[in-house]
Amino acid sequence: MSCRLTKPGALLHDNKNQNPRGRNKTTTQRCKELTITFVKNSVPMHKHRHLIEVRLWKRSTSDTVPLFTLVTGFIISLLALSNPASSQSMPPSAIPSDSLIYPAEQHFANARRLTQGGDNAEAYWNSASNSLVFQSNNPAWGLECDQIFVLDPTQLKAPNFQRPTMVSTGKGRTTCAYFVPGDERVVWASTHGAQDSCPPPPAPRPDRKYLWSIDPAYDIYLSDLKGEQQEVLVESPGYDAEATFSPDGRWMVFTSTRDGDLDLYLMSWPDRQITRVTSVLGYDGGAFFSPDSKQLIFRASRPQTPQEVEEYQQLLSEGLVAPTRMELFVCNLDGSGLRQITQLGGANWAPYFHPDGQRVVFSSNHHTKRGFPFNLFMVNLDGSGLKQITFDPTFDSFPMFSPDGRRLIFASNRRNGGTRDTNLILVDWVDRP
């Protein structure tokens, strides 16, 4: 028999025979090493944490599991239960039953997995909220490297997922696609202008540091939704990628090394005049516009010490960047009003504005010392009101709200059958306090 930690008043099950073990005012589940007693009360658990009693003991000298390990494992589970962000008052009938949604994910409903197989990520909506563009290296589609696809999410349902329309060339490696104003074209970055083959990922390093490739072969391309009409939109001797458009259709922002550092640049649309936005040493990338098209939200590293500066510049000279320490910044389109809105530590990235323009959803591992999991969080634009949104134990990232605010798309490793696949998850967004 094994124990499962359960909230007060819930059914406790023996995993062997799946029989209910009780629903009394005080519920006790006994295992070999521990007893956990929940004292049911009419108030939410997070408001009266002292109502939980824990009794631990060794029942025989032959126990092989250290008591410390048991206590540690219980504390981790207990923190998840007693966290206000995951324990807000919610009627049991309102908790989604979808297997892709965890009970604590109170902002989600009606989840669907849109892909199955390989790495699928960076899915972004068109302005009409009825189409997505994303990148995938699904081997079932004959892919070795990430390529760009456009899909109608209403017509696809895993596991009978068919390859959608590919708009990239099928050569090189692609990344960071986005719809152009009018929803009839998309932009995306690719290395295929330098060579047809798939560039290798960064080689493992002795220090085992996790690195991203900032390949100088990346340029930004423009194509129609069938991939039949393609042209180079932005090119330079260095890295050009990570392009997104403003909701009003007047601007495109992208990241480039054309001036020696990883900075943000603004292109006017459709006349294609380019101006520099940021100029502080460090990686500025993954920028998105506010709903009113007046501000940019982005991720950034800020090396401070001489050693950090030297390491950053050395990696950059090799076409690499270490994304393990990044915070979120916001600024006006001309670069003025630059301010840091998170100071969480770890990797905080993939930010996107909520349609109300006052909140930002993003991915972060700041809540763990191990470097994972990555979960989705939300924070107010002034840095207050941090709230955890997802609770998967592996990886959730690349969130984007549909322009109408009704749905959220993100990439996740959740419920992937024990594989390393990253799939696109589409959920209805439930806006709760």
Protein backbone atom coordinates (compact mmCIF):
# COMPACT_ATOMS: atom_id res chain seq x y z
CA MET A 1 0.00 0.00 0.00
CA SER A 2 1.17 3.57 -0.60
CA CYS A 3 0.02 6.86 0.87
CA ARG A 4 -1.34 9.81 -1.11
CA LEU A 5 -1.47 13.20 0.53
CA THR A 6 -5.01 14.53 0.19
CA LYS A 7 -6.80 17.74 1.14
CA PRO A 8 -9.15 17.75 4.12
CA GLY A 9 -12.47 16.07 3.46
CA ALA A 10 -11.36 14.32 0.28
CA LEU A 11 -11.48 10.58 -0.26
CA LEU A 12 -8.32 8.70 0.60
CA HIS A 13 -7.57 5.66 -1.53
CA ASP A 14 -5.49 2.55 -1.18
CA ASN A 15 -3.61 2.51 -4.50
CA LYS A 16 -3.77 -1.26 -4.61
CA ASN A 17 -7.52 -1.74 -4.50
CA GLN A 18 -8.77 1.82 -5.05
CA ASN A 19 -11.23 1.56 -2.17
CA PRO A 20 -12.24 4.71 -0.31
CA ARG A 21 -10.61 4.85 3.09
CA GLY A 22 -12.83 7.37 4.82
CA ARG A 23 -14.49 10.79 4.80
CA ASN A 24 -14.71 11.64 8.48
CA LYS A 25 -14.14 14.89 10.26
CA THR A 26 -10.66 13.67 11.12
CA THR A 27 -9.12 11.51 8.43
CA THR A 28 -5.99 9.44 9.03
CA GLN A 29 -3.96 7.58 6.41
CA ARG A 30 -1.42 5.08 7.76
CA CYS A 31 1.69 3.92 5.92
CA LYS A 32 4.72 1.99 7.04
CA GLU A 33 6.64 5.05 8.05
CA LEU A 34 4.18 7.83 8.77
CA THR A 35 0.70 8.87 9.76
CA ILE A 36 -0.77 12.09 8.50
CA THR A 37 -3.85 13.46 10.23
CA PHE A 38 -5.94 16.19 8.68
CA VAL A 39 -8.29 18.09 10.91
CA LYS A 40 -11.18 19.36 8.83
CA ASN A 41 -12.31 22.92 9.47
CA SER A 42 -14.73 25.24 7.77
CA VAL A 43 -12.03 27.77 6.90
CA PRO A 44 -9.52 27.43 4.03
CA MET A 45 -6.40 25.49 4.91
CA HIS A 46 -3.98 28.32 4.12
CA LYS A 47 -5.59 30.52 6.77
CA HIS A 48 -5.16 27.99 9.60
CA ARG A 49 -2.09 25.94 8.85
CA HIS A 50 -1.78 24.85 12.47
CA LEU A 51 -4.85 22.65 12.07
CA ILE A 52 -2.71 20.01 10.35
CA GLU A 53 -1.22 17.37 12.64
CA VAL A 54 1.72 15.25 11.51
CA ARG A 55 2.96 12.18 13.34
CA LEU A 56 6.09 10.39 12.13
CA TRP A 57 7.87 7.35 13.47
CA LYS A 58 9.84 4.31 12.49
CA ARG A 59 7.80 1.20 12.91
CA SER A 60 10.70 -1.27 12.78
CA THR A 61 14.48 -1.29 12.79
CA SER A 62 14.44 -2.78 9.30
CA ASP A 63 13.20 0.42 7.68
CA THR A 64 15.46 1.38 4.81
CA VAL A 65 14.06 4.85 4.07
CA PRO A 66 15.58 7.59 6.26
CA LEU A 67 13.06 9.47 8.35
CA PHE A 68 14.57 12.74 7.15
CA THR A 69 13.71 11.83 3.57
CA LEU A 70 10.14 11.10 4.56
CA VAL A 71 9.81 14.37 6.45
CA THR A 72 11.33 16.32 3.57
CA GLY A 73 9.01 14.73 1.03
CA PHE A 74 6.01 15.47 3.22
CA ILE A 75 7.03 19.08 3.75
CA ILE A 76 7.27 19.62 -0.01
CA SER A 77 3.78 18.22 -0.44
CA LEU A 78 2.52 20.20 2.53
CA LEU A 79 3.84 23.44 1.10
CA ALA A 80 1.95 22.79 -2.09
CA LEU A 81 -1.27 22.30 -0.12
CA SER A 82 -0.81 25.25 2.19
CA ASN A 83 0.31 27.75 -0.45
CA PRO A 84 -2.35 30.48 -0.74
CA ALA A 85 -1.82 30.60 -4.49
CA SER A 86 -2.83 26.96 -4.80
CA SER A 87 -5.43 26.77 -2.04
CA GLN A 88 -7.85 29.59 -2.72
CA SER A 89 -11.43 28.84 -1.81
CA MET A 90 -13.10 27.07 -4.72
CA PRO A 91 -16.12 24.75 -4.73
CA PRO A 92 -15.18 21.15 -5.61
CA SER A 93 -17.63 21.17 -8.51
CA ALA A 94 -15.74 24.09 -10.07
CA ILE A 95 -12.37 22.30 -10.16
CA PRO A 96 -11.70 21.20 -13.75
CA SER A 97 -11.72 17.46 -14.28
CA ASP A 98 -9.50 17.59 -17.36
CA SER A 99 -6.42 15.39 -16.86
CA LEU A 100 -4.23 18.14 -18.31
CA ILE A 101 -5.22 20.53 -15.55
CA TYR A 102 -3.99 20.30 -11.97
CA PRO A 103 -6.50 21.16 -9.21
CA ALA A 104 -4.50 24.23 -8.18
CA GLU A 105 -4.65 25.67 -11.72
CA GLN A 106 -7.79 27.64 -11.03
CA HIS A 107 -7.41 29.91 -14.05
CA PHE A 108 -7.69 27.00 -16.51
CA ALA A 109 -10.64 25.15 -18.01
CA ASN A 110 -11.24 22.89 -21.01
CA ALA A 111 -7.63 22.02 -21.75
CA ARG A 112 -6.61 20.47 -25.07
CA ARG A 113 -3.28 19.11 -26.24
CA LEU A 114 -2.79 20.30 -29.82
CA THR A 115 0.41 18.42 -30.64
CA GLN A 116 1.96 15.07 -29.93
CA GLY A 117 5.61 14.24 -30.53
CA GLY A 118 8.84 16.20 -30.59
CA ASP A 119 9.33 19.73 -29.32
CA ASN A 120 6.49 22.13 -30.06
CA ALA A 121 6.77 25.66 -28.74
CA GLU A 122 6.39 29.42 -29.22
CA ALA A 123 2.81 29.28 -30.42
CA TYR A 124 1.34 32.73 -31.07
CA TRP A 125 -2.15 33.87 -32.05
CA ASN A 126 -3.23 35.95 -34.99
CA SER A 127 -5.26 39.09 -34.34
CA ALA A 128 -8.57 37.27 -34.92
CA SER A 129 -7.80 34.65 -32.25
CA ASN A 130 -8.53 31.81 -34.68
CA SER A 131 -5.10 30.72 -35.90
CA LEU A 132 -1.70 29.88 -34.40
CA VAL A 133 1.84 29.92 -35.72
CA PHE A 134 4.43 27.76 -33.94
CA GLN A 135 7.71 25.87 -34.33
CA SER A 136 8.17 22.10 -34.19
CA ASN A 137 10.79 19.41 -34.78
CA ASN A 138 8.31 16.51 -34.67
CA PRO A 139 10.21 13.50 -36.11
CA ALA A 140 6.90 11.99 -37.29
CA TRP A 141 6.76 14.86 -39.79
CA GLY A 142 10.23 14.05 -41.12
CA LEU A 143 11.86 16.96 -39.30
CA GLU A 144 15.39 17.13 -38.00
CA CYS A 145 15.28 20.79 -37.00
CA ASP A 146 12.60 23.23 -35.87
CA GLN A 147 10.38 24.49 -38.70
CA ILE A 148 7.43 26.90 -38.72
CA PHE A 149 3.79 25.81 -39.03
CA VAL A 150 0.39 27.50 -39.11
CA LEU A 151 -2.67 25.74 -37.74
CA ASP A 152 -6.33 26.17 -36.93
CA PRO A 153 -6.64 24.89 -33.34
CA THR A 154 -10.33 24.09 -33.75
CA GLN A 155 -9.58 21.41 -36.33
CA LEU A 156 -6.81 19.54 -34.55
CA LYS A 157 -6.95 17.12 -31.71
CA ALA A 158 -4.20 14.83 -30.42
CA PRO A 159 -3.45 11.95 -30.75
CA ASN A 160 -4.82 12.07 -34.32
CA PHE A 161 -2.70 15.11 -35.01
CA GLN A 162 -1.82 15.66 -38.64
CA ARG A 163 1.03 17.81 -39.91
CA PRO A 164 -0.29 21.34 -40.52
CA THR A 165 0.90 23.74 -43.21
CA MET A 166 4.65 24.42 -43.08
CA VAL A 167 5.50 28.00 -44.02
CA SER A 168 9.29 27.79 -43.62
CA THR A 169 11.64 26.21 -46.14
CA GLY A 170 12.36 22.94 -44.34
CA LYS A 171 16.05 23.88 -44.35
CA GLY A 172 18.31 25.07 -41.55
CA ARG A 173 16.87 25.83 -38.11
CA THR A 174 13.98 28.24 -37.51
CA THR A 175 12.60 30.03 -34.46
CA CYS A 176 10.34 32.81 -33.23
CA ALA A 177 7.45 33.15 -35.69
CA TYR A 178 4.70 35.79 -35.47
CA PHE A 179 1.73 37.00 -37.50
CA VAL A 180 2.13 40.16 -39.57
CA PRO A 181 -0.69 42.75 -39.35
CA GLY A 182 -3.56 41.60 -41.52
CA ASP A 183 -3.00 37.92 -40.57
CA GLU A 184 -2.08 36.95 -44.15
CA ARG A 185 1.68 36.66 -43.58
CA VAL A 186 4.10 35.59 -40.84
CA VAL A 187 7.66 36.45 -39.90
CA TRP A 188 10.16 33.92 -38.60
CA ALA A 189 13.91 33.59 -38.12
CA SER A 190 16.01 30.97 -39.89
CA THR A 191 19.58 29.90 -40.54
CA HIS A 192 18.84 28.42 -43.98
CA GLY A 193 20.41 31.42 -45.76
CA ALA A 194 23.82 30.18 -44.56
CA GLN A 195 23.36 26.44 -45.08
CA ASP A 196 20.63 23.90 -45.74
CA SER A 197 21.66 21.51 -42.99
CA CYS A 198 20.52 21.70 -39.40
CA PRO A 199 23.13 23.43 -37.22
CA PRO A 200 24.17 21.37 -34.20
CA PRO A 201 23.14 22.43 -30.69
CA PRO A 202 25.78 23.90 -28.36
CA ALA A 203 28.35 21.31 -27.34
CA PRO A 204 28.34 20.21 -23.68
CA ARG A 205 30.78 22.22 -21.56
CA PRO A 206 32.90 21.07 -18.62
CA ASP A 207 30.93 23.34 -16.27
CA ARG A 208 27.64 21.82 -17.59
CA LYS A 209 26.24 25.33 -17.96
CA TYR A 210 22.96 25.48 -19.87
CA LEU A 211 23.36 27.60 -23.02
CA TRP A 212 21.27 28.99 -25.85
CA SER A 213 22.63 29.34 -29.38
CA ILE A 214 22.69 32.90 -30.74
CA ASP A 215 23.64 31.77 -34.22
CA PRO A 216 24.85 34.69 -36.39
CA ALA A 217 23.26 32.89 -39.37
CA TYR A 218 19.78 33.77 -38.12
CA ASP A 219 17.95 36.30 -40.27
CA ILE A 220 14.27 37.26 -40.25
CA TYR A 221 12.07 36.13 -43.13
CA LEU A 222 8.60 37.01 -44.33
CA SER A 223 6.22 34.53 -45.97
CA ASP A 224 2.58 33.95 -46.79
CA LEU A 225 0.52 31.34 -44.91
CA LYS A 226 1.29 28.64 -47.49
CA GLY A 227 5.04 29.14 -47.45
CA GLU A 228 5.02 29.92 -51.16
CA GLN A 229 6.14 33.54 -51.07
CA GLN A 230 9.25 34.15 -48.99
CA GLU A 231 11.61 37.07 -48.68
CA VAL A 232 14.34 38.28 -46.35
CA LEU A 233 12.98 41.00 -44.07
CA VAL A 234 15.91 41.66 -41.72
CA GLU A 235 19.51 40.58 -42.21
CA SER A 236 22.86 41.62 -40.80
CA PRO A 237 26.27 40.01 -40.21
CA GLY A 238 25.03 38.92 -36.78
CA TYR A 239 22.00 37.42 -35.05
CA ASP A 240 18.54 38.75 -36.06
CA ALA A 241 15.53 36.97 -34.57
CA GLU A 242 12.72 37.09 -32.00
CA ALA A 243 10.43 39.37 -34.00
CA THR A 244 6.90 40.32 -32.88
CA PHE A 245 4.41 42.95 -34.06
CA SER A 246 2.46 45.61 -32.20
CA PRO A 247 -1.33 45.22 -31.99
CA ASP A 248 -1.83 48.48 -33.92
CA GLY A 249 0.28 47.09 -36.78
CA ARG A 250 2.75 49.99 -36.83
CA TRP A 251 5.85 48.37 -35.35
CA MET A 252 7.95 45.23 -35.26
CA VAL A 253 10.44 44.59 -32.46
CA PHE A 254 13.32 42.13 -32.72
CA THR A 255 16.64 41.21 -31.09
CA SER A 256 19.93 41.71 -32.92
CA THR A 257 23.69 41.70 -32.37
CA ARG A 258 24.30 44.20 -35.21
CA ASP A 259 25.91 46.68 -32.81
CA GLY A 260 27.88 44.12 -30.82
CA ASP A 261 25.44 43.27 -28.04
CA LEU A 262 22.04 41.55 -27.81
CA ASP A 263 19.72 44.53 -27.94
CA LEU A 264 16.16 45.34 -28.98
CA TYR A 265 15.43 47.12 -32.25
CA LEU A 266 12.25 48.62 -33.61
CA MET A 267 11.18 48.48 -37.25
CA SER A 268 8.44 50.80 -38.48
CA TRP A 269 5.79 49.08 -40.57
CA PRO A 270 5.41 48.96 -43.47
CA ASP A 271 8.26 51.36 -44.41
CA ARG A 272 10.85 49.18 -42.56
CA GLN A 273 12.95 51.86 -40.87
CA ILE A 274 15.04 50.43 -38.01
CA THR A 275 15.96 52.18 -34.74
CA ARG A 276 17.72 50.88 -31.65
CA VAL A 277 15.67 50.58 -28.41
CA THR A 278 18.03 49.24 -25.69
CA SER A 279 21.75 49.75 -25.09
CA VAL A 280 22.53 48.26 -21.65
CA LEU A 281 25.05 45.41 -21.59
CA GLY A 282 23.28 42.06 -21.45
CA TYR A 283 20.83 39.93 -23.36
CA ASP A 284 17.58 41.78 -24.20
CA GLY A 285 15.16 39.46 -25.97
CA GLY A 286 11.73 37.90 -26.28
CA ALA A 287 9.98 41.27 -26.45
CA PHE A 288 6.23 41.75 -26.82
CA PHE A 289 4.09 44.85 -27.09
CA SER A 290 1.50 46.02 -24.59
CA PRO A 291 -2.13 45.89 -25.78
CA ASP A 292 -2.05 49.66 -26.45
CA SER A 293 1.20 49.26 -28.46
CA LYS A 294 3.00 51.83 -26.29
CA GLN A 295 5.31 49.62 -24.19
CA LEU A 296 7.57 46.59 -24.50
CA ILE A 297 7.93 43.73 -22.02
CA PHE A 298 11.05 41.59 -22.37
CA ARG A 299 13.56 39.32 -20.64
CA ALA A 300 17.06 40.52 -19.91
CA SER A 301 20.31 39.46 -18.31
CA ARG A 302 22.40 42.08 -16.59
CA PRO A 303 25.97 40.96 -15.87
CA GLN A 304 27.32 43.05 -13.02
CA THR A 305 30.72 41.87 -11.78
CA PRO A 306 33.85 41.92 -13.96
CA GLN A 307 33.74 38.11 -14.02
CA GLU A 308 30.10 38.08 -15.15
CA VAL A 309 30.82 40.66 -17.85
CA GLU A 310 33.80 38.68 -19.11
CA GLU A 311 31.84 35.43 -19.22
CA TYR A 312 28.89 37.06 -21.01
CA GLN A 313 31.10 38.64 -23.66
CA GLN A 314 33.11 35.47 -24.18
CA LEU A 315 29.96 33.39 -24.71
CA LEU A 316 28.52 36.01 -27.02
CA SER A 317 31.68 35.89 -29.16
CA GLU A 318 31.01 32.15 -29.53
CA GLY A 319 27.37 32.74 -30.53
CA LEU A 320 26.08 31.61 -27.14
CA VAL A 321 24.24 33.03 -24.14
CA ALA A 322 23.56 31.59 -20.66
CA PRO A 323 19.85 32.17 -19.89
CA THR A 324 19.98 30.99 -16.28
CA ARG A 325 19.70 34.46 -14.72
CA MET A 326 17.15 36.77 -16.32
CA GLU A 327 14.58 39.22 -15.04
CA LEU A 328 11.67 41.02 -16.68
CA PHE A 329 11.93 44.61 -17.87
CA VAL A 330 9.51 47.08 -19.43
CA CYS A 331 10.17 50.24 -21.43
CA ASN A 332 8.58 52.66 -23.88
CA LEU A 333 9.09 52.11 -27.60
CA ASP A 334 11.96 54.61 -27.74
CA GLY A 335 13.73 52.90 -24.82
CA SER A 336 12.76 55.54 -22.25
CA GLY A 337 11.15 54.60 -18.95
CA LEU A 338 13.22 51.42 -18.69
CA ARG A 339 12.53 49.63 -15.43
CA GLN A 340 12.92 46.19 -13.95
CA ILE A 341 9.64 44.65 -12.76
CA THR A 342 10.89 41.37 -11.24
CA GLN A 343 13.72 40.70 -8.82
CA LEU A 344 13.12 37.02 -8.24
CA GLY A 345 16.41 35.37 -9.11
CA GLY A 346 16.73 32.42 -11.46
CA ALA A 347 15.44 32.46 -15.02
CA ASN A 348 12.38 34.64 -15.58
CA TRP A 349 11.45 34.78 -19.23
CA ALA A 350 8.78 34.41 -21.96
CA PRO A 351 6.69 37.35 -20.67
CA TYR A 352 3.41 38.34 -22.27
CA PHE A 353 0.89 41.04 -21.41
CA HIS A 354 -2.56 40.13 -20.17
CA PRO A 355 -5.15 41.86 -22.42
CA ASP A 356 -5.89 44.32 -19.58
CA GLY A 357 -2.37 45.74 -19.99
CA GLN A 358 -1.78 45.74 -16.23
CA ARG A 359 -0.55 42.17 -15.72
CA VAL A 360 2.14 40.00 -17.23
CA VAL A 361 2.24 36.20 -17.50
CA PHE A 362 5.69 34.61 -17.71
CA SER A 363 7.71 31.45 -17.07
CA SER A 364 10.11 31.09 -14.15
CA ASN A 365 12.14 28.66 -12.06
CA HIS A 366 12.80 31.14 -9.26
CA HIS A 367 10.79 29.04 -6.81
CA THR A 368 13.19 26.10 -6.88
CA LYS A 369 16.90 25.65 -6.20
CA ARG A 370 17.23 22.73 -8.62
CA GLY A 371 16.68 24.77 -11.80
CA PHE A 372 13.34 23.10 -12.47
CA PRO A 373 10.40 22.98 -12.70
CA PHE A 374 9.51 25.96 -14.83
CA ASN A 375 6.00 27.15 -14.12
CA LEU A 376 3.82 30.03 -15.27
CA PHE A 377 3.41 33.03 -13.00
CA MET A 378 1.56 36.33 -13.22
CA VAL A 379 2.69 39.68 -11.85
CA ASN A 380 1.35 43.22 -11.95
CA LEU A 381 3.17 45.68 -14.17
CA ASP A 382 4.53 47.45 -11.09
CA GLY A 383 6.07 44.18 -9.82
CA SER A 384 3.44 43.50 -7.14
CA GLY A 385 0.94 40.68 -6.81
CA LEU A 386 3.10 37.74 -7.88
CA LYS A 387 0.93 34.65 -8.35
CA GLN A 388 1.73 31.13 -9.49
CA ILE A 389 -0.51 29.96 -12.35
CA THR A 390 0.67 26.42 -13.23
CA PHE A 391 1.89 23.59 -11.03
CA ASP A 392 3.32 20.94 -13.33
CA PRO A 393 6.50 19.32 -11.91
CA THR A 394 8.46 19.67 -15.15
CA PHE A 395 8.12 22.52 -17.68
CA ASP A 396 5.53 25.16 -18.62
CA SER A 397 6.53 28.15 -20.75
CA PHE A 398 5.84 30.37 -23.79
CA PRO A 399 2.41 31.57 -22.65
CA MET A 400 0.32 33.82 -24.89
CA PHE A 401 -3.19 35.13 -24.39
CA SER A 402 -5.50 35.25 -27.35
CA PRO A 403 -6.23 38.92 -28.20
CA ASP A 404 -9.79 38.48 -26.97
CA GLY A 405 -8.45 37.27 -23.60
CA ARG A 406 -10.55 34.09 -23.64
CA ARG A 407 -7.79 31.52 -24.17
CA LEU A 408 -4.18 30.87 -23.28
CA ILE A 409 -1.73 28.80 -25.29
CA PHE A 410 1.53 27.52 -23.77
CA ALA A 411 4.15 24.79 -24.19
CA SER A 412 4.43 22.05 -21.59
CA ASN A 413 5.93 18.67 -20.76
CA ARG A 414 2.84 17.73 -18.74
CA ARG A 415 1.30 14.29 -19.13
CA ASN A 416 3.57 13.39 -22.06
CA GLY A 417 3.69 9.67 -21.33
CA GLY A 418 7.16 9.73 -19.81
CA THR A 419 8.77 11.07 -22.98
CA ARG A 420 10.72 14.31 -23.37
CA ASP A 421 8.08 15.71 -25.74
CA THR A 422 7.01 19.32 -25.33
CA ASN A 423 3.46 19.89 -26.55
CA LEU A 424 1.15 22.85 -27.08
CA ILE A 425 -1.60 23.12 -24.48
CA LEU A 426 -4.67 25.24 -25.17
CA VAL A 427 -6.90 26.25 -22.25
CA ASP A 428 -9.84 28.53 -21.63
CA TRP A 429 -8.74 31.34 -19.33
CA VAL A 430 -10.78 31.90 -16.17
CA ASP A 431 -9.95 35.32 -14.71
CA ARG A 432 -10.05 34.98 -10.90
CA PRO A 433 -8.79 37.37 -8.22
